[in-house]
Amino acid sequence: MKRTQFFIAAGILLSLTLIMTTPAYAQKIIHVREPTLEPDGHECDTTEWHFIINGVDKNQSPIPAEITIYWSNGATETVALGEPVTATVLHFYSYSHLVDGVYPTDATAVIYDAYGGNFNLSHGPCDYEQFATYSIDPLCWDPGKKNVTFTVFHVTLTIEGPNESFEIGKLNNAQFEIEETVTMELEPGDYTYTAQADEGYELEGDPDGQFTIEECPVNGGNGDEGFGGENFLQNAILAGAISAVSLFIILILFTRRREPS
């Protein structure tokens, strides 16, 4: 019995030692550089999509063994590291969507945190149109709560409201992002908007439109408060529990009063 306990304790100690001595590698996600995704941003080749990650230090970890490609039709594809394998450059090839007009909107890889090189689309088909899209999802107005979400992809939305006008647009910095989502609070009223696609992109959807923000019902709001809406059952159970506890306390007090002194 003691020998069994000894081996169990030794196993636990060895596991803890391995965990504590295993180096933790800092890593990050990198995106393919956006300009190389443009039809004129890479060399034209209808036989393959060729992505490269250069400036790689093979002594660091992790080194990408695969990349994930995001296609304009909403699909994703995982592509393994290909040939040739050189000292500082990684090559990845995809043979999907060579003639159907579908194109990559992004590609990502996981690499060591200190990486400072470039992730590019080297060559691929060039005969495709890039689309700009947007969506507006309004809720009712409840003071202090965000009630409308704007999502844009290579689109600038100009919003005109009862008391203000503002723009929602693609982030203009070196970090490429597929889309920008902004959630904010807008007061009740009628709003109009216009959508302007970035240069080189074709707008998918209406170029203008309108939406209305109405006040939330008194009971329940957006489903976050009150005794109505989605919280009705939860609040009913809570009220029943409070009533039961109150009744129990009253019975105890009544019983003690009737006990002889």
Protein backbone atom coordinates (compact mmCIF):
# COMPACT_ATOMS: atom_id res chain seq x y z
CA MET A 1 0.00 0.00 0.00
CA LYS A 2 2.79 2.38 0.95
CA ARG A 3 4.63 1.51 -2.27
CA THR A 4 1.53 2.37 -4.33
CA GLN A 5 1.16 5.70 -2.54
CA PHE A 6 4.86 6.37 -3.18
CA PHE A 7 4.51 5.80 -6.94
CA ILE A 8 1.38 7.97 -7.10
CA ALA A 9 3.15 10.81 -5.26
CA ALA A 10 6.22 10.43 -7.49
CA GLY A 11 4.05 10.58 -10.63
CA ILE A 12 2.31 13.73 -9.46
CA LEU A 13 5.64 15.36 -8.60
CA LEU A 14 7.09 14.44 -12.02
CA SER A 15 4.03 15.86 -13.83
CA LEU A 16 4.26 19.12 -11.90
CA THR A 17 7.98 19.34 -12.66
CA LEU A 18 7.40 18.87 -16.40
CA ILE A 19 4.66 21.51 -16.41
CA MET A 20 6.81 24.00 -14.54
CA THR A 21 9.90 23.43 -16.70
CA THR A 22 8.14 23.42 -20.10
CA PRO A 23 8.80 26.81 -21.75
CA ALA A 24 5.75 28.94 -22.55
CA TYR A 25 6.09 30.46 -26.02
CA ALA A 26 4.57 33.87 -26.62
CA GLN A 27 2.64 33.89 -29.89
CA LYS A 28 0.34 36.08 -31.96
CA ILE A 29 -1.98 35.92 -34.96
CA ILE A 30 -0.81 37.67 -38.13
CA HIS A 31 -2.94 38.68 -41.12
CA VAL A 32 -1.96 38.76 -44.77
CA ARG A 33 -1.21 42.33 -45.86
CA GLU A 34 -4.37 43.84 -47.31
CA PRO A 35 -2.83 45.58 -50.35
CA THR A 36 -1.65 42.22 -51.71
CA LEU A 37 -5.26 40.95 -51.74
CA GLU A 38 -6.28 43.60 -54.28
CA PRO A 39 -6.64 42.38 -57.89
CA ASP A 40 -3.66 44.57 -58.81
CA GLY A 41 -1.79 43.96 -55.55
CA HIS A 42 -0.21 40.64 -56.57
CA GLU A 43 1.11 38.93 -59.68
CA CYS A 44 -1.54 37.30 -61.86
CA ASP A 45 -1.45 33.51 -62.04
CA THR A 46 -4.53 31.40 -62.75
CA THR A 47 -2.93 28.11 -61.63
CA GLU A 48 -2.65 28.74 -57.87
CA TRP A 49 -2.94 31.12 -54.93
CA HIS A 50 0.54 31.50 -53.42
CA PHE A 51 0.95 33.00 -49.94
CA ILE A 52 4.37 33.66 -48.40
CA ILE A 53 5.52 34.56 -44.89
CA ASN A 54 9.01 36.07 -45.02
CA GLY A 55 11.49 37.25 -42.43
CA VAL A 56 10.99 34.12 -40.34
CA ASP A 57 13.49 33.15 -37.63
CA LYS A 58 13.48 29.34 -37.61
CA ASN A 59 15.04 29.35 -34.11
CA GLN A 60 11.85 30.87 -32.68
CA SER A 61 8.62 29.05 -31.83
CA PRO A 62 5.93 28.57 -32.92
CA ILE A 63 6.58 28.54 -36.66
CA PRO A 64 3.36 28.32 -38.74
CA ALA A 65 2.73 24.84 -40.09
CA GLU A 66 -0.48 26.05 -41.77
CA ILE A 67 -2.51 29.13 -42.60
CA THR A 68 -6.26 29.75 -42.69
CA ILE A 69 -7.70 31.42 -45.80
CA TYR A 70 -11.02 33.29 -45.60
CA TRP A 71 -12.87 33.35 -48.93
CA SER A 72 -15.35 35.93 -50.17
CA ASN A 73 -18.17 33.34 -50.26
CA GLY A 74 -17.89 32.86 -46.48
CA ALA A 75 -15.90 29.62 -46.59
CA THR A 76 -12.56 28.99 -44.87
CA GLU A 77 -9.71 26.74 -45.90
CA THR A 78 -6.71 25.44 -43.97
CA VAL A 79 -3.55 25.13 -46.07
CA ALA A 80 -0.45 23.26 -44.90
CA LEU A 81 3.13 24.49 -45.29
CA GLY A 82 4.46 23.76 -48.77
CA GLU A 83 7.74 23.63 -50.67
CA PRO A 84 10.34 24.97 -50.89
CA VAL A 85 11.39 25.20 -47.24
CA THR A 86 14.03 27.90 -46.92
CA ALA A 87 15.81 29.52 -44.01
CA THR A 88 13.56 32.57 -43.71
CA VAL A 89 10.52 32.14 -46.03
CA LEU A 90 7.41 29.94 -45.67
CA HIS A 91 5.28 29.04 -48.71
CA PHE A 92 1.59 28.10 -48.78
CA TYR A 93 -0.44 27.11 -51.86
CA SER A 94 -4.18 26.85 -52.50
CA TYR A 95 -5.81 25.50 -55.64
CA SER A 96 -9.37 26.49 -54.72
CA HIS A 97 -11.52 29.07 -56.53
CA LEU A 98 -9.22 29.62 -59.49
CA VAL A 99 -11.96 30.37 -62.05
CA ASP A 100 -15.21 31.05 -60.15
CA GLY A 101 -14.52 34.66 -59.14
CA VAL A 102 -14.28 33.84 -55.41
CA TYR A 103 -11.26 35.55 -53.84
CA PRO A 104 -9.49 35.63 -50.45
CA THR A 105 -10.60 38.38 -48.08
CA ASP A 106 -8.02 37.50 -45.43
CA ALA A 107 -5.54 34.84 -44.36
CA THR A 108 -4.15 34.27 -40.87
CA ALA A 109 -1.34 32.35 -39.20
CA VAL A 110 -0.08 31.81 -35.66
CA ILE A 111 3.58 32.74 -35.17
CA TYR A 112 6.03 33.72 -32.41
CA ASP A 113 5.32 37.08 -30.79
CA ALA A 114 8.56 38.78 -31.89
CA TYR A 115 7.90 38.18 -35.60
CA GLY A 116 8.32 41.36 -37.65
CA GLY A 117 8.28 40.23 -41.29
CA ASN A 118 5.56 40.33 -43.95
CA PHE A 119 2.70 37.97 -44.80
CA ASN A 120 1.79 38.46 -48.47
CA LEU A 121 -0.29 37.04 -51.28
CA SER A 122 2.49 36.60 -53.86
CA HIS A 123 0.37 35.61 -56.86
CA GLY A 124 -3.01 34.26 -57.86
CA PRO A 125 -5.97 35.02 -60.16
CA CYS A 126 -6.63 38.72 -60.75
CA ASP A 127 -9.92 38.61 -62.65
CA TYR A 128 -12.41 39.16 -59.81
CA GLU A 129 -14.46 41.97 -58.29
CA GLN A 130 -14.21 42.80 -54.62
CA PHE A 131 -17.46 43.59 -52.85
CA ALA A 132 -18.09 46.01 -50.00
CA THR A 133 -20.88 45.08 -47.57
CA TYR A 134 -22.57 46.47 -44.46
CA SER A 135 -25.35 45.69 -41.99
CA ILE A 136 -27.39 47.73 -39.48
CA ASP A 137 -29.14 45.95 -36.60
CA PRO A 138 -31.25 48.30 -34.43
CA LEU A 139 -33.09 47.52 -31.17
CA CYS A 140 -35.44 49.68 -29.10
CA TRP A 141 -34.14 52.49 -26.88
CA ASP A 142 -33.59 51.92 -23.17
CA PRO A 143 -31.62 54.75 -21.45
CA GLY A 144 -27.97 53.87 -20.92
CA LYS A 145 -27.99 50.74 -23.08
CA LYS A 146 -26.45 50.20 -26.50
CA ASN A 147 -29.17 49.52 -29.03
CA VAL A 148 -27.77 49.47 -32.57
CA THR A 149 -24.90 47.55 -34.20
CA PHE A 150 -23.17 48.65 -37.41
CA THR A 151 -20.93 46.19 -39.27
CA VAL A 152 -18.98 47.39 -42.31
CA PHE A 153 -16.55 45.78 -44.74
CA HIS A 154 -14.82 48.35 -46.97
CA VAL A 155 -17.81 50.69 -46.56
CA THR A 156 -18.26 54.11 -44.98
CA LEU A 157 -21.76 54.71 -43.58
CA THR A 158 -22.89 58.31 -43.11
CA ILE A 159 -25.70 58.43 -40.54
CA GLU A 160 -28.12 61.39 -40.19
CA GLY A 161 -30.33 61.43 -37.08
CA PRO A 162 -32.67 63.75 -35.18
CA ASN A 163 -29.87 65.25 -33.09
CA GLU A 164 -26.59 64.18 -34.66
CA SER A 165 -24.75 62.95 -37.72
CA PHE A 166 -21.71 60.67 -37.75
CA GLU A 167 -19.75 58.17 -39.83
CA ILE A 168 -18.96 54.49 -39.38
CA GLY A 169 -16.05 53.38 -41.58
CA LYS A 170 -13.34 50.83 -42.03
CA LEU A 171 -10.39 51.24 -39.66
CA ASN A 172 -7.67 53.17 -41.42
CA ASN A 173 -4.44 51.81 -39.96
CA ALA A 174 -1.71 49.31 -40.66
CA GLN A 175 -3.55 46.45 -38.90
CA PHE A 176 -5.78 44.79 -41.48
CA GLU A 177 -9.21 43.81 -40.20
CA ILE A 178 -11.86 42.06 -42.25
CA GLU A 179 -14.67 44.10 -40.76
CA GLU A 180 -15.39 46.76 -38.19
CA THR A 181 -18.30 46.28 -35.82
CA VAL A 182 -19.51 49.22 -33.72
CA THR A 183 -22.30 48.96 -31.13
CA MET A 184 -23.63 52.20 -29.68
CA GLU A 185 -26.63 53.89 -28.08
CA LEU A 186 -28.91 55.99 -30.28
CA GLU A 187 -31.88 57.96 -28.99
CA PRO A 188 -35.40 57.37 -30.38
CA GLY A 189 -36.11 58.81 -33.78
CA ASP A 190 -35.85 58.31 -37.53
CA TYR A 191 -32.38 57.89 -39.04
CA THR A 192 -31.21 57.93 -42.66
CA TYR A 193 -27.90 56.66 -44.03
CA THR A 194 -25.81 56.53 -47.18
CA ALA A 195 -23.22 53.84 -47.94
CA GLN A 196 -20.02 54.58 -49.86
CA ALA A 197 -17.74 51.71 -50.95
CA ASP A 198 -13.97 52.07 -50.69
CA GLU A 199 -12.10 52.69 -53.92
CA GLY A 200 -11.72 49.49 -55.91
CA TYR A 201 -14.73 47.78 -54.28
CA GLU A 202 -18.26 47.30 -55.55
CA LEU A 203 -21.06 48.06 -53.10
CA GLU A 204 -23.32 45.11 -52.35
CA GLY A 205 -26.64 46.34 -50.98
CA ASP A 206 -28.60 49.59 -51.11
CA PRO A 207 -26.58 52.82 -51.37
CA ASP A 208 -28.95 54.52 -48.92
CA GLY A 209 -31.83 53.75 -46.58
CA GLN A 210 -33.39 54.46 -43.20
CA PHE A 211 -34.16 52.86 -39.85
CA THR A 212 -36.13 53.87 -36.74
CA ILE A 213 -35.28 53.60 -33.07
CA GLU A 214 -38.40 53.33 -30.87
CA GLU A 215 -38.66 53.47 -27.09
CA CYS A 216 -38.71 50.07 -25.40
CA PRO A 217 -41.96 48.87 -23.76
CA VAL A 218 -42.27 49.75 -20.08
CA ASN A 219 -42.07 46.08 -19.02
CA GLY A 220 -39.01 44.21 -20.08
CA GLY A 221 -37.26 46.73 -22.35
CA ASN A 222 -34.81 44.81 -24.53
CA GLY A 223 -35.36 41.76 -22.35
CA ASP A 224 -32.87 42.91 -19.72
CA GLU A 225 -35.10 44.28 -16.94
CA GLY A 226 -38.57 44.17 -15.43
CA PHE A 227 -41.08 41.41 -14.79
CA GLY A 228 -42.07 41.06 -18.46
CA GLY A 229 -40.47 39.64 -21.55
CA GLU A 230 -37.82 36.95 -21.30
CA ASN A 231 -37.33 37.39 -17.53
CA PHE A 232 -40.96 36.73 -16.52
CA LEU A 233 -40.39 33.11 -15.40
CA GLN A 234 -37.18 33.98 -13.59
CA ASN A 235 -38.83 36.84 -11.70
CA ALA A 236 -41.91 34.72 -10.88
CA ILE A 237 -39.67 32.04 -9.32
CA LEU A 238 -37.79 34.69 -7.35
CA ALA A 239 -41.03 36.21 -6.08
CA GLY A 240 -42.30 32.76 -5.05
CA ALA A 241 -39.08 32.01 -3.16
CA ILE A 242 -39.24 35.33 -1.31
CA SER A 243 -42.86 34.66 -0.35
CA ALA A 244 -42.01 31.16 0.92
CA VAL A 245 -39.14 32.43 3.07
CA SER A 246 -41.32 35.23 4.46
CA LEU A 247 -44.09 32.74 5.35
CA PHE A 248 -41.56 30.44 7.06
CA ILE A 249 -40.25 33.28 9.21
CA ILE A 250 -43.80 34.31 10.20
CA LEU A 251 -44.63 30.71 11.25
CA ILE A 252 -41.49 30.50 13.42
CA LEU A 253 -42.31 33.78 15.18
CA PHE A 254 -45.93 32.72 15.70
CA THR A 255 -44.87 29.34 17.16
CA ARG A 256 -42.43 30.96 19.60
CA ARG A 257 -45.09 33.36 20.85
CA ARG A 258 -47.40 30.43 21.71
CA GLU A 259 -44.75 28.48 23.65
CA PRO A 260 -45.23 28.73 27.47
CA SER A 261 -42.70 30.95 29.20
